[in-house]
PDB file of N, CA and C in Angstrom:
ATOM      1  N   MET A   1     -13.484  -3.931   1.504  1.00  0.00           N
ATOM      2  CA  MET A   1     -12.784  -4.249   2.407  1.00  0.00           C
ATOM      3  C   MET A   1     -12.773  -4.663   4.249  1.00  0.00           C
ATOM      4  N   GLU A   2     -11.886  -5.350   4.640  1.00  0.00           N
ATOM      5  CA  GLU A   2     -12.824  -6.403   5.914  1.00  0.00           C
ATOM      6  C   GLU A   2     -12.321  -5.657   7.055  1.00  0.00           C
ATOM      7  N   ARG A   3     -12.678  -5.649   8.224  1.00  0.00           N
ATOM      8  CA  ARG A   3     -12.461  -4.810   9.183  1.00  0.00           C
ATOM      9  C   ARG A   3     -10.599  -5.186   9.022  1.00  0.00           C
ATOM     10  N   PRO A   4     -10.385  -3.529   9.720  1.00  0.00           N
ATOM     11  CA  PRO A   4      -8.862  -3.519   9.972  1.00  0.00           C
ATOM     12  C   PRO A   4      -8.308  -4.860  10.719  1.00  0.00           C
ATOM     13  N   LEU A   5      -7.311  -5.148  10.219  1.00  0.00           N
ATOM     14  CA  LEU A   5      -6.388  -6.291  11.283  1.00  0.00           C
ATOM     15  C   LEU A   5      -5.623  -5.138  12.135  1.00  0.00           C
ATOM     16  N   PHE A   6      -5.241  -3.803  11.888  1.00  0.00           N
ATOM     17  CA  PHE A   6      -5.047  -2.991  12.927  1.00  0.00           C
ATOM     18  C   PHE A   6      -5.420  -1.890  13.207  1.00  0.00           C
ATOM     19  N   ARG A   7      -5.264  -1.302  14.597  1.00  0.00           N
ATOM     20  CA  ARG A   7      -5.589  -0.166  14.754  1.00  0.00           C
ATOM     21  C   ARG A   7      -5.217   1.199  15.117  1.00  0.00           C
ATOM     22  N   ARG A   8      -5.197   2.767  15.088  1.00  0.00           N
ATOM     23  CA  ARG A   8      -4.369   3.208  15.403  1.00  0.00           C
ATOM     24  C   ARG A   8      -3.870   3.119  17.557  1.00  0.00           C
ATOM     25  N   LEU A   9      -3.100   3.685  17.585  1.00  0.00           N
ATOM     26  CA  LEU A   9      -2.917   3.798  18.955  1.00  0.00           C
ATOM     27  C   LEU A   9      -3.037   5.513  19.124  1.00  0.00           C
ATOM     28  N   GLY A  10      -3.996   5.832  19.713  1.00  0.00           N
ATOM     29  CA  GLY A  10      -3.992   8.100  20.539  1.00  0.00           C
ATOM     30  C   GLY A  10      -4.782   7.998  19.348  1.00  0.00           C
ATOM     31  N   ALA A  11      -4.942   9.600  19.853  1.00  0.00           N
ATOM     32  CA  ALA A  11      -5.996  10.535  18.992  1.00  0.00           C
ATOM     33  C   ALA A  11      -5.333  10.966  17.594  1.00  0.00           C
ATOM     34  N   ALA A  12      -6.417  11.267  16.719  1.00  0.00           N
ATOM     35  CA  ALA A  12      -6.096  11.336  15.398  1.00  0.00           C
ATOM     36  C   ALA A  12      -5.041  12.976  15.035  1.00  0.00           C
ATOM     37  N   GLY A  13      -5.496  13.413  16.514  1.00  0.00           N
ATOM     38  CA  GLY A  13      -5.292  15.121  15.886  1.00  0.00           C
ATOM     39  C   GLY A  13      -6.044  15.488  15.413  1.00  0.00           C
ATOM     40  N   ASP A  14      -6.153  17.070  15.303  1.00  0.00           N
ATOM     41  CA  ASP A  14      -7.076  17.641  14.274  1.00  0.00           C
ATOM     42  C   ASP A  14      -6.749  17.703  13.134  1.00  0.00           C
ATOM     43  N   ASP A  15      -5.483  18.029  12.406  1.00  0.00           N
ATOM     44  CA  ASP A  15      -4.515  18.478  11.470  1.00  0.00           C
ATOM     45  C   ASP A  15      -4.703  17.143  10.857  1.00  0.00           C
ATOM     46  N   ALA A  16      -5.657  17.718   8.998  1.00  0.00           N
ATOM     47  CA  ALA A  16      -5.834  16.632   8.507  1.00  0.00           C
ATOM     48  C   ALA A  16      -4.694  16.626   7.531  1.00  0.00           C
ATOM     49  N   GLY A  17      -4.526  15.001   7.572  1.00  0.00           N
ATOM     50  CA  GLY A  17      -3.647  14.241   6.825  1.00  0.00           C
ATOM     51  C   GLY A  17      -3.764  13.937   5.697  1.00  0.00           C
ATOM     52  N   PRO A  18      -3.429  13.302   4.908  1.00  0.00           N
ATOM     53  CA  PRO A  18      -3.066  13.575   3.433  1.00  0.00           C
ATOM     54  C   PRO A  18      -4.726  12.886   2.632  1.00  0.00           C
ATOM     55  N   THR A  19      -5.071  12.308   1.477  1.00  0.00           N
ATOM     56  CA  THR A  19      -5.803  11.574   1.220  1.00  0.00           C
ATOM     57  C   THR A  19      -5.003  11.216   0.041  1.00  0.00           C
ATOM     58  N   ILE A  20      -4.760   9.782   0.366  1.00  0.00           N
ATOM     59  CA  ILE A  20      -4.540   8.895  -1.013  1.00  0.00           C
ATOM     60  C   ILE A  20      -5.516   7.720  -1.536  1.00  0.00           C
ATOM     61  N   TYR A  21      -5.277   7.860  -2.895  1.00  0.00           N
ATOM     62  CA  TYR A  21      -6.118   6.970  -3.191  1.00  0.00           C
ATOM     63  C   TYR A  21      -4.971   5.339  -3.991  1.00  0.00           C
ATOM     64  N   PHE A  22      -6.513   4.608  -3.370  1.00  0.00           N
ATOM     65  CA  PHE A  22      -6.060   2.614  -3.507  1.00  0.00           C
ATOM     66  C   PHE A  22      -7.045   2.701  -4.470  1.00  0.00           C
ATOM     67  N   ASN A  23      -6.095   2.273  -5.614  1.00  0.00           N
ATOM     68  CA  ASN A  23      -7.529   0.912  -6.619  1.00  0.00           C
ATOM     69  C   ASN A  23      -8.696   2.338  -7.068  1.00  0.00           C
ATOM     70  N   GLY A  24      -7.990   3.889  -6.611  1.00  0.00           N
ATOM     71  CA  GLY A  24      -9.789   4.633  -6.896  1.00  0.00           C
ATOM     72  C   GLY A  24     -10.272   5.002  -5.732  1.00  0.00           C
ATOM     73  N   ARG A  25     -10.372   4.342  -4.720  1.00  0.00           N
ATOM     74  CA  ARG A  25     -10.493   4.822  -3.325  1.00  0.00           C
ATOM     75  C   ARG A  25     -10.367   5.752  -2.428  1.00  0.00           C
ATOM     76  N   PRO A  26     -10.871   6.942  -2.472  1.00  0.00           N
ATOM     77  CA  PRO A  26      -9.775   7.723  -1.777  1.00  0.00           C
ATOM     78  C   PRO A  26      -9.504   7.324   0.301  1.00  0.00           C
ATOM     79  N   ILE A  27      -8.494   7.157   0.203  1.00  0.00           N
ATOM     80  CA  ILE A  27      -8.216   6.938   1.784  1.00  0.00           C
ATOM     81  C   ILE A  27      -7.704   8.235   2.690  1.00  0.00           C
ATOM     82  N   GLU A  28      -8.092   8.034   3.303  1.00  0.00           N
ATOM     83  CA  GLU A  28      -7.491   9.403   4.874  1.00  0.00           C
ATOM     84  C   GLU A  28      -6.300   8.772   5.530  1.00  0.00           C
ATOM     85  N   ALA A  29      -4.790   9.465   5.154  1.00  0.00           N
ATOM     86  CA  ALA A  29      -3.974   8.648   5.841  1.00  0.00           C
ATOM     87  C   ALA A  29      -3.849   9.716   6.588  1.00  0.00           C
ATOM     88  N   ARG A  30      -2.184   9.905   7.860  1.00  0.00           N
ATOM     89  CA  ARG A  30      -1.974  10.848   8.807  1.00  0.00           C
ATOM     90  C   ARG A  30      -0.628  10.803   8.670  1.00  0.00           C
ATOM     91  N   LEU A  31      -0.084  12.183   8.614  1.00  0.00           N
ATOM     92  CA  LEU A  31       1.493  12.446   8.097  1.00  0.00           C
ATOM     93  C   LEU A  31       2.154  11.610   8.877  1.00  0.00           C
ATOM     94  N   GLY A  32       3.645  11.401   7.798  1.00  0.00           N
ATOM     95  CA  GLY A  32       4.519  10.101   9.031  1.00  0.00           C
ATOM     96  C   GLY A  32       4.018   8.721   8.423  1.00  0.00           C
ATOM     97  N   ASP A  33       2.710   8.586   8.486  1.00  0.00           N
ATOM     98  CA  ASP A  33       2.396   7.248   7.217  1.00  0.00           C
ATOM     99  C   ASP A  33       3.291   7.195   6.480  1.00  0.00           C
ATOM    100  N   SER A  34       3.606   5.418   6.484  1.00  0.00           N
ATOM    101  CA  SER A  34       4.555   4.905   4.935  1.00  0.00           C
ATOM    102  C   SER A  34       2.527   4.202   4.304  1.00  0.00           C
ATOM    103  N   VAL A  35       2.638   4.155   3.237  1.00  0.00           N
ATOM    104  CA  VAL A  35       1.975   4.141   2.381  1.00  0.00           C
ATOM    105  C   VAL A  35       0.896   2.464   2.663  1.00  0.00           C
ATOM    106  N   ALA A  36       1.703   1.438   2.845  1.00  0.00           N
ATOM    107  CA  ALA A  36       1.725   0.355   3.931  1.00  0.00           C
ATOM    108  C   ALA A  36       1.129   0.863   5.249  1.00  0.00           C
ATOM    109  N   ALA A  37       1.550   1.599   6.244  1.00  0.00           N
ATOM    110  CA  ALA A  37       0.889   2.002   7.330  1.00  0.00           C
ATOM    111  C   ALA A  37      -0.613   2.454   7.076  1.00  0.00           C
ATOM    112  N   ALA A  38      -0.826   3.241   6.259  1.00  0.00           N
ATOM    113  CA  ALA A  38      -1.996   4.340   6.140  1.00  0.00           C
ATOM    114  C   ALA A  38      -2.656   3.206   4.912  1.00  0.00           C
ATOM    115  N   LEU A  39      -3.133   1.991   4.452  1.00  0.00           N
ATOM    116  CA  LEU A  39      -3.927   0.782   3.744  1.00  0.00           C
ATOM    117  C   LEU A  39      -4.317   0.359   5.160  1.00  0.00           C
ATOM    118  N   LEU A  40      -3.047  -0.627   5.479  1.00  0.00           N
ATOM    119  CA  LEU A  40      -3.326  -1.379   6.350  1.00  0.00           C
ATOM    120  C   LEU A  40      -4.400  -0.724   7.292  1.00  0.00           C
ATOM    121  N   ALA A  41      -4.245   0.542   7.500  1.00  0.00           N
ATOM    122  CA  ALA A  41      -5.629   1.021   9.060  1.00  0.00           C
ATOM    123  C   ALA A  41      -6.887   1.409   8.201  1.00  0.00           C
ATOM    124  N   ALA A  42      -6.335   1.274   6.983  1.00  0.00           N
ATOM    125  CA  ALA A  42      -7.826   1.204   6.015  1.00  0.00           C
ATOM    126  C   ALA A  42      -8.782   0.144   6.243  1.00  0.00           C
ATOM    127  N   GLY A  43      -7.925  -0.693   6.473  1.00  0.00           N
ATOM    128  CA  GLY A  43      -8.464  -2.127   6.052  1.00  0.00           C
ATOM    129  C   GLY A  43      -8.263  -2.977   4.660  1.00  0.00           C
ATOM    130  N   VAL A  44      -7.529  -2.117   4.230  1.00  0.00           N
ATOM    131  CA  VAL A  44      -6.640  -3.130   3.349  1.00  0.00           C
ATOM    132  C   VAL A  44      -5.397  -4.645   3.372  1.00  0.00           C
ATOM    133  N   SER A  45      -5.610  -5.529   2.951  1.00  0.00           N
ATOM    134  CA  SER A  45      -4.601  -5.984   3.639  1.00  0.00           C
ATOM    135  C   SER A  45      -4.068  -6.912   2.832  1.00  0.00           C
ATOM    136  N   GLU A  46      -4.690  -6.987   1.220  1.00  0.00           N
ATOM    137  CA  GLU A  46      -4.272  -7.852   0.219  1.00  0.00           C
ATOM    138  C   GLU A  46      -3.900  -6.674  -0.872  1.00  0.00           C
ATOM    139  N   PHE A  47      -2.291  -6.369  -0.811  1.00  0.00           N
ATOM    140  CA  PHE A  47      -1.968  -5.914  -1.995  1.00  0.00           C
ATOM    141  C   PHE A  47      -0.815  -6.065  -3.322  1.00  0.00           C
ATOM    142  N   ARG A  48      -1.111  -7.406  -3.358  1.00  0.00           N
ATOM    143  CA  ARG A  48      -0.375  -7.556  -4.856  1.00  0.00           C
ATOM    144  C   ARG A  48      -0.859  -9.488  -4.952  1.00  0.00           C
ATOM    145  N   GLU A  49      -0.788 -10.007  -5.955  1.00  0.00           N
ATOM    146  CA  GLU A  49      -1.297 -11.679  -6.575  1.00  0.00           C
ATOM    147  C   GLU A  49       0.891 -11.423  -6.316  1.00  0.00           C
ATOM    148  N   THR A  50       0.773 -13.014  -6.159  1.00  0.00           N
ATOM    149  CA  THR A  50       1.976 -14.079  -6.793  1.00  0.00           C
ATOM    150  C   THR A  50       1.708 -14.040  -8.367  1.00  0.00           C
ATOM    151  N   ALA A  51       2.300 -14.197  -9.064  1.00  0.00           N
ATOM    152  CA  ALA A  51       2.674 -14.426 -10.813  1.00  0.00           C
ATOM    153  C   ALA A  51       2.146 -15.596 -11.255  1.00  0.00           C
ATOM    154  N   ILE A  52       2.228 -16.903  -9.693  1.00  0.00           N
ATOM    155  CA  ILE A  52       2.279 -18.534 -10.579  1.00  0.00           C
ATOM    156  C   ILE A  52       0.511 -18.726  -9.885  1.00  0.00           C
ATOM    157  N   SER A  53       0.788 -18.682  -8.079  1.00  0.00           N
ATOM    158  CA  SER A  53      -0.416 -18.807  -7.907  1.00  0.00           C
ATOM    159  C   SER A  53      -1.445 -18.100  -7.751  1.00  0.00           C
ATOM    160  N   VAL A  54      -1.308 -17.073  -7.941  1.00  0.00           N
ATOM    161  CA  VAL A  54      -2.167 -15.907  -7.443  1.00  0.00           C
ATOM    162  C   VAL A  54      -2.657 -15.377  -6.235  1.00  0.00           C
ATOM    163  N   ALA A  55      -2.115 -15.699  -5.455  1.00  0.00           N
ATOM    164  CA  ALA A  55      -2.483 -15.849  -3.849  1.00  0.00           C
ATOM    165  C   ALA A  55      -1.934 -14.411  -3.620  1.00  0.00           C
ATOM    166  N   ALA A  56      -3.328 -14.102  -2.987  1.00  0.00           N
ATOM    167  CA  ALA A  56      -2.832 -12.731  -2.328  1.00  0.00           C
ATOM    168  C   ALA A  56      -1.444 -12.933  -0.913  1.00  0.00           C
ATOM    169  N   ARG A  57      -1.644 -11.405  -1.052  1.00  0.00           N
ATOM    170  CA  ARG A  57      -0.320 -10.845  -0.326  1.00  0.00           C
ATOM    171  C   ARG A  57      -0.456  -9.511  -0.044  1.00  0.00           C
ATOM    172  N   GLY A  58       0.494  -9.648   1.308  1.00  0.00           N
ATOM    173  CA  GLY A  58       0.076  -7.787   1.848  1.00  0.00           C
ATOM    174  C   GLY A  58       1.518  -7.941   2.605  1.00  0.00           C
ATOM    175  N   PRO A  59       1.748  -7.155   3.407  1.00  0.00           N
ATOM    176  CA  PRO A  59       2.386  -6.647   4.230  1.00  0.00           C
ATOM    177  C   PRO A  59       3.129  -7.503   5.341  1.00  0.00           C
ATOM    178  N   PHE A  60       4.518  -7.966   5.244  1.00  0.00           N
ATOM    179  CA  PHE A  60       5.011  -8.693   6.044  1.00  0.00           C
ATOM    180  C   PHE A  60       6.068  -7.952   7.058  1.00  0.00           C
ATOM    181  N   CYS A  61       6.819  -7.496   6.885  1.00  0.00           N
ATOM    182  CA  CYS A  61       7.974  -7.190   8.264  1.00  0.00           C
ATOM    183  C   CYS A  61       7.875  -5.472   8.322  1.00  0.00           C
ATOM    184  N   MET A  62       7.374  -4.829   7.011  1.00  0.00           N
ATOM    185  CA  MET A  62       7.537  -3.481   7.470  1.00  0.00           C
ATOM    186  C   MET A  62       8.444  -2.743   7.272  1.00  0.00           C
ATOM    187  N   THR A  63       9.665  -3.510   7.048  1.00  0.00           N
ATOM    188  CA  THR A  63      11.008  -2.963   7.084  1.00  0.00           C
ATOM    189  C   THR A  63      11.521  -3.018   6.277  1.00  0.00           C
ATOM    190  N   GLY A  64      10.889  -3.117   4.657  1.00  0.00           N
ATOM    191  CA  GLY A  64      11.477  -3.530   3.861  1.00  0.00           C
ATOM    192  C   GLY A  64      12.436  -4.337   3.328  1.00  0.00           C
ATOM    193  N   ALA A  65      12.375  -5.426   4.147  1.00  0.00           N
ATOM    194  CA  ALA A  65      13.243  -6.911   3.861  1.00  0.00           C
ATOM    195  C   ALA A  65      12.134  -8.060   2.910  1.00  0.00           C
ATOM    196  N   CYS A  66      11.764  -7.870   3.321  1.00  0.00           N
ATOM    197  CA  CYS A  66      10.141  -9.291   2.603  1.00  0.00           C
ATOM    198  C   CYS A  66       9.301  -9.176   1.120  1.00  0.00           C
ATOM    199  N   PHE A  67       9.599  -7.373   0.612  1.00  0.00           N
ATOM    200  CA  PHE A  67       8.947  -7.078  -0.440  1.00  0.00           C
ATOM    201  C   PHE A  67       7.671  -7.961  -0.576  1.00  0.00           C
ATOM    202  N   ASP A  68       6.324  -8.339   0.588  1.00  0.00           N
ATOM    203  CA  ASP A  68       5.351  -8.488   0.274  1.00  0.00           C
ATOM    204  C   ASP A  68       4.554  -7.402  -0.078  1.00  0.00           C
ATOM    205  N   CYS A  69       5.105  -6.085   0.082  1.00  0.00           N
ATOM    206  CA  CYS A  69       4.140  -4.957   0.255  1.00  0.00           C
ATOM    207  C   CYS A  69       4.511  -4.621  -1.260  1.00  0.00           C
ATOM    208  N   LEU A  70       4.614  -5.071  -2.070  1.00  0.00           N
ATOM    209  CA  LEU A  70       4.682  -4.208  -3.348  1.00  0.00           C
ATOM    210  C   LEU A  70       3.523  -3.930  -4.138  1.00  0.00           C
ATOM    211  N   LEU A  71       3.504  -2.953  -4.881  1.00  0.00           N
ATOM    212  CA  LEU A  71       2.095  -1.940  -5.343  1.00  0.00           C
ATOM    213  C   LEU A  71       3.218  -0.921  -6.164  1.00  0.00           C
ATOM    214  N   ARG A  72       1.624  -0.871  -6.372  1.00  0.00           N
ATOM    215  CA  ARG A  72       1.651   0.997  -8.606  1.00  0.00           C
ATOM    216  C   ARG A  72       1.673   1.719  -7.416  1.00  0.00           C
ATOM    217  N   ILE A  73       2.797   2.959  -7.398  1.00  0.00           N
ATOM    218  CA  ILE A  73       2.586   4.254  -6.796  1.00  0.00           C
ATOM    219  C   ILE A  73       2.863   4.967  -7.979  1.00  0.00           C
ATOM    220  N   ASP A  74       1.666   6.043  -7.900  1.00  0.00           N
ATOM    221  CA  ASP A  74       1.977   7.113  -8.726  1.00  0.00           C
ATOM    222  C   ASP A  74       2.963   6.305 -10.772  1.00  0.00           C
ATOM    223  N   GLY A  75       2.284   4.923 -10.851  1.00  0.00           N
ATOM    224  CA  GLY A  75       2.556   5.022 -12.442  1.00  0.00           C
ATOM    225  C   GLY A  75       3.826   3.912 -12.024  1.00  0.00           C
ATOM    226  N   GLU A  76       4.256   3.674 -10.716  1.00  0.00           N
ATOM    227  CA  GLU A  76       5.948   2.895 -10.890  1.00  0.00           C
ATOM    228  C   GLU A  76       5.861   1.924 -10.626  1.00  0.00           C
ATOM    229  N   ASP A  77       5.624   0.792 -11.280  1.00  0.00           N
ATOM    230  CA  ASP A  77       5.548  -0.720 -10.244  1.00  0.00           C
ATOM    231  C   ASP A  77       6.457  -1.028  -9.125  1.00  0.00           C
ATOM    232  N   ASN A  78       6.471  -2.171  -8.508  1.00  0.00           N
ATOM    233  CA  ASN A  78       7.170  -2.649  -7.953  1.00  0.00           C
ATOM    234  C   ASN A  78       7.970  -1.869  -6.849  1.00  0.00           C
ATOM    235  N   ARG A  79       6.725  -0.566  -6.181  1.00  0.00           N
ATOM    236  CA  ARG A  79       7.197  -0.176  -4.902  1.00  0.00           C
ATOM    237  C   ARG A  79       7.355  -0.398  -3.553  1.00  0.00           C
ATOM    238  N   GLN A  80       7.949  -0.423  -2.782  1.00  0.00           N
ATOM    239  CA  GLN A  80       8.252  -0.978  -1.635  1.00  0.00           C
ATOM    240  C   GLN A  80       7.025  -0.511  -0.738  1.00  0.00           C
ATOM    241  N   SER A  81       5.642  -0.677  -0.261  1.00  0.00           N
ATOM    242  CA  SER A  81       5.004   0.483  -0.184  1.00  0.00           C
ATOM    243  C   SER A  81       5.455   0.208   1.683  1.00  0.00           C
ATOM    244  N   CYS A  82       5.922  -0.118   2.171  1.00  0.00           N
ATOM    245  CA  CYS A  82       6.198  -0.231   3.649  1.00  0.00           C
ATOM    246  C   CYS A  82       7.268   0.882   3.838  1.00  0.00           C
ATOM    247  N   MET A  83       8.282   1.568   2.700  1.00  0.00           N
ATOM    248  CA  MET A  83       9.099   2.085   2.948  1.00  0.00           C
ATOM    249  C   MET A  83       8.748   3.560   2.405  1.00  0.00           C
ATOM    250  N   ILE A  84       7.686   3.856   1.925  1.00  0.00           N
ATOM    251  CA  ILE A  84       7.748   5.304   1.154  1.00  0.00           C
ATOM    252  C   ILE A  84       6.336   6.040   1.730  1.00  0.00           C
ATOM    253  N   PRO A  85       6.759   6.760   2.154  1.00  0.00           N
ATOM    254  CA  PRO A  85       5.621   8.334   3.188  1.00  0.00           C
ATOM    255  C   PRO A  85       4.555   8.464   2.363  1.00  0.00           C
ATOM    256  N   VAL A  86       3.678   8.345   2.727  1.00  0.00           N
ATOM    257  CA  VAL A  86       2.695   8.950   2.060  1.00  0.00           C
ATOM    258  C   VAL A  86       2.812  10.703   1.745  1.00  0.00           C
ATOM    259  N   ARG A  87       2.127  11.200   0.596  1.00  0.00           N
ATOM    260  CA  ARG A  87       1.366  12.378   0.151  1.00  0.00           C
ATOM    261  C   ARG A  87       0.749  12.664   0.124  1.00  0.00           C
ATOM    262  N   ASP A  88       0.014  13.416   0.357  1.00  0.00           N
ATOM    263  CA  ASP A  88      -1.478  14.108  -0.865  1.00  0.00           C
ATOM    264  C   ASP A  88      -1.408  13.619  -2.404  1.00  0.00           C
ATOM    265  N   GLY A  89      -2.312  13.172  -2.724  1.00  0.00           N
ATOM    266  CA  GLY A  89      -2.886  12.862  -4.121  1.00  0.00           C
ATOM    267  C   GLY A  89      -2.155  11.319  -4.508  1.00  0.00           C
ATOM    268  N   MET A  90      -1.374  10.775  -3.857  1.00  0.00           N
ATOM    269  CA  MET A  90      -0.470   8.927  -4.578  1.00  0.00           C
ATOM    270  C   MET A  90      -2.027   8.701  -5.431  1.00  0.00           C
ATOM    271  N   GLN A  91      -1.919   7.817  -5.752  1.00  0.00           N
ATOM    272  CA  GLN A  91      -2.682   7.378  -7.064  1.00  0.00           C
ATOM    273  C   GLN A  91      -1.921   5.458  -6.865  1.00  0.00           C
ATOM    274  N   ILE A  92      -2.478   5.121  -5.865  1.00  0.00           N
ATOM    275  CA  ILE A  92      -2.006   3.278  -5.897  1.00  0.00           C
ATOM    276  C   ILE A  92      -3.085   2.417  -6.036  1.00  0.00           C
ATOM    277  N   GLU A  93      -1.895   1.408  -6.862  1.00  0.00           N
ATOM    278  CA  GLU A  93      -3.191   0.310  -7.296  1.00  0.00           C
ATOM    279  C   GLU A  93      -2.609  -1.148  -6.519  1.00  0.00           C
ATOM    280  N   ALA A  94      -3.384  -1.848  -6.334  1.00  0.00           N
ATOM    281  CA  ALA A  94      -2.355  -3.365  -5.910  1.00  0.00           C
ATOM    282  C   ALA A  94      -1.707  -3.962  -7.925  1.00  0.00           C
ATOM    283  N   MET A  95      -1.059  -4.526  -7.022  1.00  0.00           N
ATOM    284  CA  MET A  95      -0.015  -5.794  -8.430  1.00  0.00           C
ATOM    285  C   MET A  95      -1.096  -6.903  -8.523  1.00  0.00           C
ATOM    286  N   VAL A  96      -1.136  -6.790 -10.411  1.00  0.00           N
ATOM    287  CA  VAL A  96      -1.663  -8.447 -10.407  1.00  0.00           C
ATOM    288  C   VAL A  96      -1.526  -8.784 -11.052  1.00  0.00           C
ATOM    289  N   GLY A  97      -0.993 -10.080 -11.682  1.00  0.00           N
ATOM    290  CA  GLY A  97      -1.118 -10.451 -12.438  1.00  0.00           C
ATOM    291  C   GLY A  97       1.083 -10.711 -12.393  1.00  0.00           C
ATOM    292  N   ILE A  98       1.703 -11.374 -13.849  1.00  0.00           N
ATOM    293  CA  ILE A  98       3.095 -11.109 -14.119  1.00  0.00           C
ATOM    294  C   ILE A  98       3.122 -10.001 -14.458  1.00  0.00           C
ATOM    295  N   ARG A  99       4.343  -9.373 -14.008  1.00  0.00           N
ATOM    296  CA  ARG A  99       5.149  -8.137 -14.106  1.00  0.00           C
ATOM    297  C   ARG A  99       6.323  -8.248 -14.775  1.00  0.00           C
ATOM    298  N   PRO A 100       6.290  -7.138 -15.809  1.00  0.00           N
ATOM    299  CA  PRO A 100       7.779  -7.513 -16.641  1.00  0.00           C
ATOM    300  C   PRO A 100       9.002  -7.319 -16.112  1.00  0.00           C
ATOM    301  N   VAL A 101       9.559  -7.682 -16.561  1.00  0.00           N
ATOM    302  CA  VAL A 101      11.629  -7.520 -15.890  1.00  0.00           C
ATOM    303  C   VAL A 101      11.810  -6.553 -17.511  1.00  0.00           C
ATOM    304  N   ASP A 102      13.060  -6.031 -16.579  1.00  0.00           N
ATOM    305  CA  ASP A 102      13.829  -4.870 -17.851  1.00  0.00           C
ATOM    306  C   ASP A 102      13.705  -5.864 -18.759  1.00  0.00           C
ATOM    307  N   GLY A 103      14.060  -5.060 -20.382  1.00  0.00           N
ATOM    308  CA  GLY A 103      14.312  -5.516 -21.160  1.00  0.00           C
ATOM    309  C   GLY A 103      12.743  -6.917 -21.710  1.00  0.00           C
ATOM    310  N   ASP A 104      11.932  -6.692 -21.685  1.00  0.00           N
ATOM    311  CA  ASP A 104      10.957  -7.613 -21.864  1.00  0.00           C
ATOM    312  C   ASP A 104      10.066  -6.810 -22.819  1.00  0.00           C
ATOM    313  N   ALA A 105      10.001  -6.944 -23.629  1.00  0.00           N
ATOM    314  CA  ALA A 105       9.003  -6.385 -25.144  1.00  0.00           C
ATOM    315  C   ALA A 105       7.526  -6.696 -24.708  1.00  0.00           C
TER     316      ALA A 105
END
């Protein structure tokens, strides 16, 4: 992980937030964070790779319009991480390689 591109504003407070796991690594989040926001705050900027060029992609719009923040969340592929609130124990994985389309064997 590199130095985070973003930093949080204001105090974190005394309440322990949920712990999520990105590729097995524990990350402390804050209540109310989206998965994408929690990962960005922890210094994670590469969420997936494109299928053809294998270029790294990460969140862009944070509004659910661009689909650059897709992750595998709790075993479900292609989830828009900017639209999903964190909850304790979430298992999150980067999306790597070509993903099957419904109906593919």
